[in-house]
Amino acid sequence: MKRSTKPPIDPEQWVTDAAKPSSMEGGPVARMTVELPLDLHRELKGKCGREGLKIKKVIIALVQDYLEGKVKITEVNLH
């Protein structure tokens, strides 16, 4: 069985490409790494997949709602 011979991804190029202006916002973007419990990540990924949504867009929408005061989070809500 023949394996795919795709060239390896250069991590530096990947980060540089990601720093280019976003087509969604038209401006520069910042990369953020968030650690989630594995079960929570799987649940989020599955729900987004079933609903045909991108995780990135869901997170952006949630952050925007929080910043606009549509979502209230207090220390009690944090686990």
PDB file of N, CA and C in Angstrom:
ATOM      1  N   MET A   1       0.837  -1.173   0.000  1.00  0.00           N
ATOM      2  CA  MET A   1       0.000   0.000   0.000  1.00  0.00           C
ATOM      3  C   MET A   1       0.887   1.244   0.000  1.00  0.00           C
ATOM      4  N   LYS A   2       0.661   2.157  -0.923  1.00  0.00           N
ATOM      5  CA  LYS A   2       1.477   3.358  -1.052  1.00  0.00           C
ATOM      6  C   LYS A   2       0.968   4.441  -0.104  1.00  0.00           C
ATOM      7  N   ARG A   3       1.891   5.046   0.630  1.00  0.00           N
ATOM      8  CA  ARG A   3       1.536   6.119   1.544  1.00  0.00           C
ATOM      9  C   ARG A   3       1.621   7.460   0.843  1.00  0.00           C
ATOM     10  N   SER A   4       0.855   8.393   1.337  1.00  0.00           N
ATOM     11  CA  SER A   4       0.903   9.752   0.810  1.00  0.00           C
ATOM     12  C   SER A   4       2.269  10.354   1.102  1.00  0.00           C
ATOM     13  N   THR A   5       2.801  11.055   0.134  1.00  0.00           N
ATOM     14  CA  THR A   5       4.124  11.664   0.321  1.00  0.00           C
ATOM     15  C   THR A   5       4.007  13.178   0.389  1.00  0.00           C
ATOM     16  N   LYS A   6       3.047  13.664   1.178  1.00  0.00           N
ATOM     17  CA  LYS A   6       2.892  15.106   1.351  1.00  0.00           C
ATOM     18  C   LYS A   6       4.114  15.635   2.090  1.00  0.00           C
ATOM     19  N   PRO A   7       4.604  16.788   1.678  1.00  0.00           N
ATOM     20  CA  PRO A   7       5.745  17.343   2.403  1.00  0.00           C
ATOM     21  C   PRO A   7       5.326  17.726   3.819  1.00  0.00           C
ATOM     22  N   PRO A   8       6.239  17.625   4.776  1.00  0.00           N
ATOM     23  CA  PRO A   8       5.884  17.970   6.147  1.00  0.00           C
ATOM     24  C   PRO A   8       5.543  19.457   6.262  1.00  0.00           C
ATOM     25  N   ILE A   9       4.666  19.768   7.191  1.00  0.00           N
ATOM     26  CA  ILE A   9       4.269  21.157   7.422  1.00  0.00           C
ATOM     27  C   ILE A   9       5.348  21.846   8.240  1.00  0.00           C
ATOM     28  N   ASP A  10       5.782  22.996   7.761  1.00  0.00           N
ATOM     29  CA  ASP A  10       6.770  23.794   8.481  1.00  0.00           C
ATOM     30  C   ASP A  10       6.038  24.588   9.558  1.00  0.00           C
ATOM     31  N   PRO A  11       6.290  24.303  10.845  1.00  0.00           N
ATOM     32  CA  PRO A  11       5.563  25.000  11.913  1.00  0.00           C
ATOM     33  C   PRO A  11       5.709  26.522  11.848  1.00  0.00           C
ATOM     34  N   GLU A  12       6.864  27.007  11.465  1.00  0.00           N
ATOM     35  CA  GLU A  12       7.081  28.451  11.379  1.00  0.00           C
ATOM     36  C   GLU A  12       6.194  29.065  10.302  1.00  0.00           C
ATOM     37  N   GLN A  13       6.063  28.390   9.174  1.00  0.00           N
ATOM     38  CA  GLN A  13       5.210  28.885   8.088  1.00  0.00           C
ATOM     39  C   GLN A  13       3.749  28.862   8.501  1.00  0.00           C
ATOM     40  N   TRP A  14       3.356  27.818   9.240  1.00  0.00           N
ATOM     41  CA  TRP A  14       1.978  27.687   9.694  1.00  0.00           C
ATOM     42  C   TRP A  14       1.609  28.864  10.601  1.00  0.00           C
ATOM     43  N   VAL A  15       2.487  29.208  11.536  1.00  0.00           N
ATOM     44  CA  VAL A  15       2.238  30.332  12.440  1.00  0.00           C
ATOM     45  C   VAL A  15       2.247  31.642  11.664  1.00  0.00           C
ATOM     46  N   THR A  16       3.182  31.809  10.741  1.00  0.00           N
ATOM     47  CA  THR A  16       3.271  33.034   9.940  1.00  0.00           C
ATOM     48  C   THR A  16       2.019  33.206   9.092  1.00  0.00           C
ATOM     49  N   ASP A  17       1.570  32.130   8.452  1.00  0.00           N
ATOM     50  CA  ASP A  17       0.354  32.193   7.636  1.00  0.00           C
ATOM     51  C   ASP A  17      -0.858  32.549   8.488  1.00  0.00           C
ATOM     52  N   ALA A  18      -0.919  32.016   9.713  1.00  0.00           N
ATOM     53  CA  ALA A  18      -2.057  32.275  10.589  1.00  0.00           C
ATOM     54  C   ALA A  18      -2.080  33.728  11.056  1.00  0.00           C
ATOM     55  N   ALA A  19      -0.936  34.397  11.047  1.00  0.00           N
ATOM     56  CA  ALA A  19      -0.871  35.779  11.512  1.00  0.00           C
ATOM     57  C   ALA A  19      -1.285  36.777  10.429  1.00  0.00           C
ATOM     58  N   LYS A  20      -1.500  36.283   9.217  1.00  0.00           N
ATOM     59  CA  LYS A  20      -1.933  37.165   8.136  1.00  0.00           C
ATOM     60  C   LYS A  20      -3.357  37.639   8.401  1.00  0.00           C
ATOM     61  N   PRO A  21      -3.782  38.729   7.795  1.00  0.00           N
ATOM     62  CA  PRO A  21      -5.143  39.224   8.035  1.00  0.00           C
ATOM     63  C   PRO A  21      -6.190  38.148   7.795  1.00  0.00           C
ATOM     64  N   SER A  22      -7.171  38.144   8.655  1.00  0.00           N
ATOM     65  CA  SER A  22      -8.268  37.183   8.553  1.00  0.00           C
ATOM     66  C   SER A  22      -9.265  37.654   7.505  1.00  0.00           C
ATOM     67  N   SER A  23      -9.734  36.747   6.688  1.00  0.00           N
ATOM     68  CA  SER A  23     -10.737  37.114   5.697  1.00  0.00           C
ATOM     69  C   SER A  23     -12.072  37.395   6.374  1.00  0.00           C
ATOM     70  N   MET A  24     -12.264  36.856   7.586  1.00  0.00           N
ATOM     71  CA  MET A  24     -13.521  37.044   8.283  1.00  0.00           C
ATOM     72  C   MET A  24     -13.636  38.473   8.833  1.00  0.00           C
ATOM     73  N   GLU A  25     -12.593  38.979   9.434  1.00  0.00           N
ATOM     74  CA  GLU A  25     -12.631  40.288  10.064  1.00  0.00           C
ATOM     75  C   GLU A  25     -11.928  41.353   9.230  1.00  0.00           C
ATOM     76  N   GLY A  26     -11.043  40.944   8.350  1.00  0.00           N
ATOM     77  CA  GLY A  26     -10.323  41.900   7.523  1.00  0.00           C
ATOM     78  C   GLY A  26      -9.148  42.549   8.221  1.00  0.00           C
ATOM     79  N   GLY A  27      -8.792  42.080   9.405  1.00  0.00           N
ATOM     80  CA  GLY A  27      -7.669  42.656  10.142  1.00  0.00           C
ATOM     81  C   GLY A  27      -6.773  41.566  10.690  1.00  0.00           C
ATOM     82  N   PRO A  28      -5.756  41.978  11.417  1.00  0.00           N
ATOM     83  CA  PRO A  28      -4.825  40.987  11.976  1.00  0.00           C
ATOM     84  C   PRO A  28      -5.519  40.102  13.016  1.00  0.00           C
ATOM     85  N   VAL A  29      -4.989  38.925  13.209  1.00  0.00           N
ATOM     86  CA  VAL A  29      -5.552  37.986  14.169  1.00  0.00           C
ATOM     87  C   VAL A  29      -4.488  37.590  15.188  1.00  0.00           C
ATOM     88  N   ALA A  30      -4.917  37.096  16.313  1.00  0.00           N
ATOM     89  CA  ALA A  30      -4.016  36.574  17.338  1.00  0.00           C
ATOM     90  C   ALA A  30      -4.367  35.110  17.572  1.00  0.00           C
ATOM     91  N   ARG A  31      -3.358  34.311  17.794  1.00  0.00           N
ATOM     92  CA  ARG A  31      -3.560  32.888  18.064  1.00  0.00           C
ATOM     93  C   ARG A  31      -3.586  32.701  19.574  1.00  0.00           C
ATOM     94  N   MET A  32      -4.522  31.854  20.040  1.00  0.00           N
ATOM     95  CA  MET A  32      -4.649  31.593  21.461  1.00  0.00           C
ATOM     96  C   MET A  32      -4.788  30.089  21.661  1.00  0.00           C
ATOM     97  N   THR A  33      -4.072  29.565  22.620  1.00  0.00           N
ATOM     98  CA  THR A  33      -4.164  28.151  22.944  1.00  0.00           C
ATOM     99  C   THR A  33      -4.945  28.016  24.243  1.00  0.00           C
ATOM    100  N   VAL A  34      -5.958  27.162  24.227  1.00  0.00           N
ATOM    101  CA  VAL A  34      -6.781  26.932  25.407  1.00  0.00           C
ATOM    102  C   VAL A  34      -6.788  25.437  25.684  1.00  0.00           C
ATOM    103  N   GLU A  35      -6.504  25.074  26.906  1.00  0.00           N
ATOM    104  CA  GLU A  35      -6.558  23.667  27.292  1.00  0.00           C
ATOM    105  C   GLU A  35      -7.952  23.363  27.825  1.00  0.00           C
ATOM    106  N   LEU A  36      -8.580  22.332  27.262  1.00  0.00           N
ATOM    107  CA  LEU A  36      -9.907  21.887  27.688  1.00  0.00           C
ATOM    108  C   LEU A  36      -9.807  20.449  28.170  1.00  0.00           C
ATOM    109  N   PRO A  37     -10.646  20.073  29.128  1.00  0.00           N
ATOM    110  CA  PRO A  37     -10.709  18.650  29.463  1.00  0.00           C
ATOM    111  C   PRO A  37     -11.088  17.867  28.198  1.00  0.00           C
ATOM    112  N   LEU A  38     -10.505  16.703  28.027  1.00  0.00           N
ATOM    113  CA  LEU A  38     -10.701  15.915  26.810  1.00  0.00           C
ATOM    114  C   LEU A  38     -12.178  15.661  26.520  1.00  0.00           C
ATOM    115  N   ASP A  39     -12.951  15.305  27.535  1.00  0.00           N
ATOM    116  CA  ASP A  39     -14.381  15.039  27.318  1.00  0.00           C
ATOM    117  C   ASP A  39     -15.115  16.278  26.819  1.00  0.00           C
ATOM    118  N   LEU A  40     -14.773  17.447  27.373  1.00  0.00           N
ATOM    119  CA  LEU A  40     -15.421  18.683  26.955  1.00  0.00           C
ATOM    120  C   LEU A  40     -15.054  19.015  25.507  1.00  0.00           C
ATOM    121  N   HIS A  41     -13.788  18.819  25.142  1.00  0.00           N
ATOM    122  CA  HIS A  41     -13.356  19.062  23.774  1.00  0.00           C
ATOM    123  C   HIS A  41     -14.090  18.139  22.802  1.00  0.00           C
ATOM    124  N   ARG A  42     -14.187  16.869  23.150  1.00  0.00           N
ATOM    125  CA  ARG A  42     -14.884  15.910  22.281  1.00  0.00           C
ATOM    126  C   ARG A  42     -16.353  16.284  22.106  1.00  0.00           C
ATOM    127  N   GLU A  43     -16.979  16.711  23.204  1.00  0.00           N
ATOM    128  CA  GLU A  43     -18.388  17.097  23.138  1.00  0.00           C
ATOM    129  C   GLU A  43     -18.571  18.331  22.260  1.00  0.00           C
ATOM    130  N   LEU A  44     -17.691  19.321  22.426  1.00  0.00           N
ATOM    131  CA  LEU A  44     -17.751  20.540  21.605  1.00  0.00           C
ATOM    132  C   LEU A  44     -17.529  20.210  20.137  1.00  0.00           C
ATOM    133  N   LYS A  45     -16.511  19.423  19.863  1.00  0.00           N
ATOM    134  CA  LYS A  45     -16.191  19.051  18.483  1.00  0.00           C
ATOM    135  C   LYS A  45     -17.345  18.277  17.839  1.00  0.00           C
ATOM    136  N   GLY A  46     -17.936  17.355  18.596  1.00  0.00           N
ATOM    137  CA  GLY A  46     -19.054  16.572  18.072  1.00  0.00           C
ATOM    138  C   GLY A  46     -20.279  17.430  17.790  1.00  0.00           C
ATOM    139  N   LYS A  47     -20.613  18.315  18.743  1.00  0.00           N
ATOM    140  CA  LYS A  47     -21.783  19.169  18.571  1.00  0.00           C
ATOM    141  C   LYS A  47     -21.586  20.107  17.383  1.00  0.00           C
ATOM    142  N   CYS A  48     -20.402  20.714  17.282  1.00  0.00           N
ATOM    143  CA  CYS A  48     -20.131  21.597  16.141  1.00  0.00           C
ATOM    144  C   CYS A  48     -20.214  20.817  14.831  1.00  0.00           C
ATOM    145  N   GLY A  49     -19.668  19.613  14.817  1.00  0.00           N
ATOM    146  CA  GLY A  49     -19.721  18.786  13.610  1.00  0.00           C
ATOM    147  C   GLY A  49     -21.147  18.447  13.208  1.00  0.00           C
ATOM    148  N   ARG A  50     -21.955  18.051  14.192  1.00  0.00           N
ATOM    149  CA  ARG A  50     -23.350  17.701  13.898  1.00  0.00           C
ATOM    150  C   ARG A  50     -24.135  18.899  13.386  1.00  0.00           C
ATOM    151  N   GLU A  51     -23.779  20.088  13.856  1.00  0.00           N
ATOM    152  CA  GLU A  51     -24.503  21.295  13.459  1.00  0.00           C
ATOM    153  C   GLU A  51     -23.854  22.017  12.276  1.00  0.00           C
ATOM    154  N   GLY A  52     -22.757  21.438  11.770  1.00  0.00           N
ATOM    155  CA  GLY A  52     -22.083  22.027  10.614  1.00  0.00           C
ATOM    156  C   GLY A  52     -21.391  23.348  10.920  1.00  0.00           C
ATOM    157  N   LEU A  53     -20.926  23.503  12.155  1.00  0.00           N
ATOM    158  CA  LEU A  53     -20.266  24.743  12.573  1.00  0.00           C
ATOM    159  C   LEU A  53     -18.779  24.521  12.793  1.00  0.00           C
ATOM    160  N   LYS A  54     -18.001  25.566  12.624  1.00  0.00           N
ATOM    161  CA  LYS A  54     -16.569  25.535  12.914  1.00  0.00           C
ATOM    162  C   LYS A  54     -16.379  25.918  14.374  1.00  0.00           C
ATOM    163  N   ILE A  55     -15.541  25.162  15.098  1.00  0.00           N
ATOM    164  CA  ILE A  55     -15.269  25.461  16.499  1.00  0.00           C
ATOM    165  C   ILE A  55     -14.786  26.897  16.650  1.00  0.00           C
ATOM    166  N   LYS A  56     -13.915  27.332  15.768  1.00  0.00           N
ATOM    167  CA  LYS A  56     -13.365  28.687  15.823  1.00  0.00           C
ATOM    168  C   LYS A  56     -14.484  29.733  15.810  1.00  0.00           C
ATOM    169  N   LYS A  57     -15.453  29.561  14.936  1.00  0.00           N
ATOM    170  CA  LYS A  57     -16.542  30.540  14.819  1.00  0.00           C
ATOM    171  C   LYS A  57     -17.453  30.518  16.045  1.00  0.00           C
ATOM    172  N   VAL A  58     -17.670  29.333  16.609  1.00  0.00           N
ATOM    173  CA  VAL A  58     -18.487  29.223  17.817  1.00  0.00           C
ATOM    174  C   VAL A  58     -17.795  29.958  18.970  1.00  0.00           C
ATOM    175  N   ILE A  59     -16.501  29.745  19.120  1.00  0.00           N
ATOM    176  CA  ILE A  59     -15.757  30.400  20.200  1.00  0.00           C
ATOM    177  C   ILE A  59     -15.747  31.914  20.002  1.00  0.00           C
ATOM    178  N   ILE A  60     -15.544  32.370  18.775  1.00  0.00           N
ATOM    179  CA  ILE A  60     -15.565  33.811  18.502  1.00  0.00           C
ATOM    180  C   ILE A  60     -16.928  34.396  18.869  1.00  0.00           C
ATOM    181  N   ALA A  61     -18.010  33.711  18.488  1.00  0.00           N
ATOM    182  CA  ALA A  61     -19.358  34.197  18.807  1.00  0.00           C
ATOM    183  C   ALA A  61     -19.576  34.257  20.316  1.00  0.00           C
ATOM    184  N   LEU A  62     -19.109  33.246  21.036  1.00  0.00           N
ATOM    185  CA  LEU A  62     -19.260  33.233  22.488  1.00  0.00           C
ATOM    186  C   LEU A  62     -18.473  34.372  23.141  1.00  0.00           C
ATOM    187  N   VAL A  63     -17.255  34.605  22.686  1.00  0.00           N
ATOM    188  CA  VAL A  63     -16.435  35.693  23.237  1.00  0.00           C
ATOM    189  C   VAL A  63     -17.084  37.037  22.937  1.00  0.00           C
ATOM    190  N   GLN A  64     -17.584  37.221  21.722  1.00  0.00           N
ATOM    191  CA  GLN A  64     -18.249  38.482  21.374  1.00  0.00           C
ATOM    192  C   GLN A  64     -19.479  38.704  22.259  1.00  0.00           C
ATOM    193  N   ASP A  65     -20.278  37.653  22.473  1.00  0.00           N
ATOM    194  CA  ASP A  65     -21.454  37.769  23.338  1.00  0.00           C
ATOM    195  C   ASP A  65     -21.054  38.132  24.766  1.00  0.00           C
ATOM    196  N   TYR A  66     -19.977  37.552  25.264  1.00  0.00           N
ATOM    197  CA  TYR A  66     -19.487  37.862  26.608  1.00  0.00           C
ATOM    198  C   TYR A  66     -19.050  39.326  26.696  1.00  0.00           C
ATOM    199  N   LEU A  67     -18.288  39.775  25.713  1.00  0.00           N
ATOM    200  CA  LEU A  67     -17.799  41.155  25.723  1.00  0.00           C
ATOM    201  C   LEU A  67     -18.930  42.168  25.588  1.00  0.00           C
ATOM    202  N   GLU A  68     -19.990  41.807  24.890  1.00  0.00           N
ATOM    203  CA  GLU A  68     -21.140  42.693  24.717  1.00  0.00           C
ATOM    204  C   GLU A  68     -22.122  42.605  25.882  1.00  0.00           C
ATOM    205  N   GLY A  69     -21.816  41.766  26.870  1.00  0.00           N
ATOM    206  CA  GLY A  69     -22.679  41.637  28.041  1.00  0.00           C
ATOM    207  C   GLY A  69     -23.874  40.732  27.845  1.00  0.00           C
ATOM    208  N   LYS A  70     -23.934  40.009  26.727  1.00  0.00           N
ATOM    209  CA  LYS A  70     -25.054  39.091  26.467  1.00  0.00           C
ATOM    210  C   LYS A  70     -24.923  37.800  27.267  1.00  0.00           C
ATOM    211  N   VAL A  71     -23.698  37.485  27.682  1.00  0.00           N
ATOM    212  CA  VAL A  71     -23.407  36.308  28.504  1.00  0.00           C
ATOM    213  C   VAL A  71     -22.768  36.814  29.783  1.00  0.00           C
ATOM    214  N   LYS A  72     -23.327  36.436  30.914  1.00  0.00           N
ATOM    215  CA  LYS A  72     -22.799  36.864  32.203  1.00  0.00           C
ATOM    216  C   LYS A  72     -22.058  35.706  32.829  1.00  0.00           C
ATOM    217  N   ILE A  73     -20.801  35.914  33.188  1.00  0.00           N
ATOM    218  CA  ILE A  73     -20.005  34.883  33.834  1.00  0.00           C
ATOM    219  C   ILE A  73     -19.482  35.475  35.145  1.00  0.00           C
ATOM    220  N   THR A  74     -19.707  34.741  36.208  1.00  0.00           N
ATOM    221  CA  THR A  74     -19.196  35.143  37.515  1.00  0.00           C
ATOM    222  C   THR A  74     -18.280  34.042  38.031  1.00  0.00           C
ATOM    223  N   GLU A  75     -17.613  34.300  39.117  1.00  0.00           N
ATOM    224  CA  GLU A  75     -16.707  33.304  39.703  1.00  0.00           C
ATOM    225  C   GLU A  75     -17.473  32.023  40.034  1.00  0.00           C
ATOM    226  N   VAL A  76     -18.751  32.130  40.359  1.00  0.00           N
ATOM    227  CA  VAL A  76     -19.577  30.962  40.680  1.00  0.00           C
ATOM    228  C   VAL A  76     -19.717  30.041  39.467  1.00  0.00           C
ATOM    229  N   ASN A  77     -19.764  30.634  38.252  1.00  0.00           N
ATOM    230  CA  ASN A  77     -19.912  29.845  37.020  1.00  0.00           C
ATOM    231  C   ASN A  77     -18.632  29.119  36.635  1.00  0.00           C
ATOM    232  N   LEU A  78     -17.508  29.577  37.126  1.00  0.00           N
ATOM    233  CA  LEU A  78     -16.224  28.999  36.730  1.00  0.00           C
ATOM    234  C   LEU A  78     -15.940  27.739  37.535  1.00  0.00           C
ATOM    235  N   HIS A  79     -15.445  26.737  36.846  1.00  0.00           N
ATOM    236  CA  HIS A  79     -15.160  25.464  37.518  1.00  0.00           C
ATOM    237  C   HIS A  79     -13.688  25.301  37.730  1.00  0.00           C
TER     238      HIS A  79
END
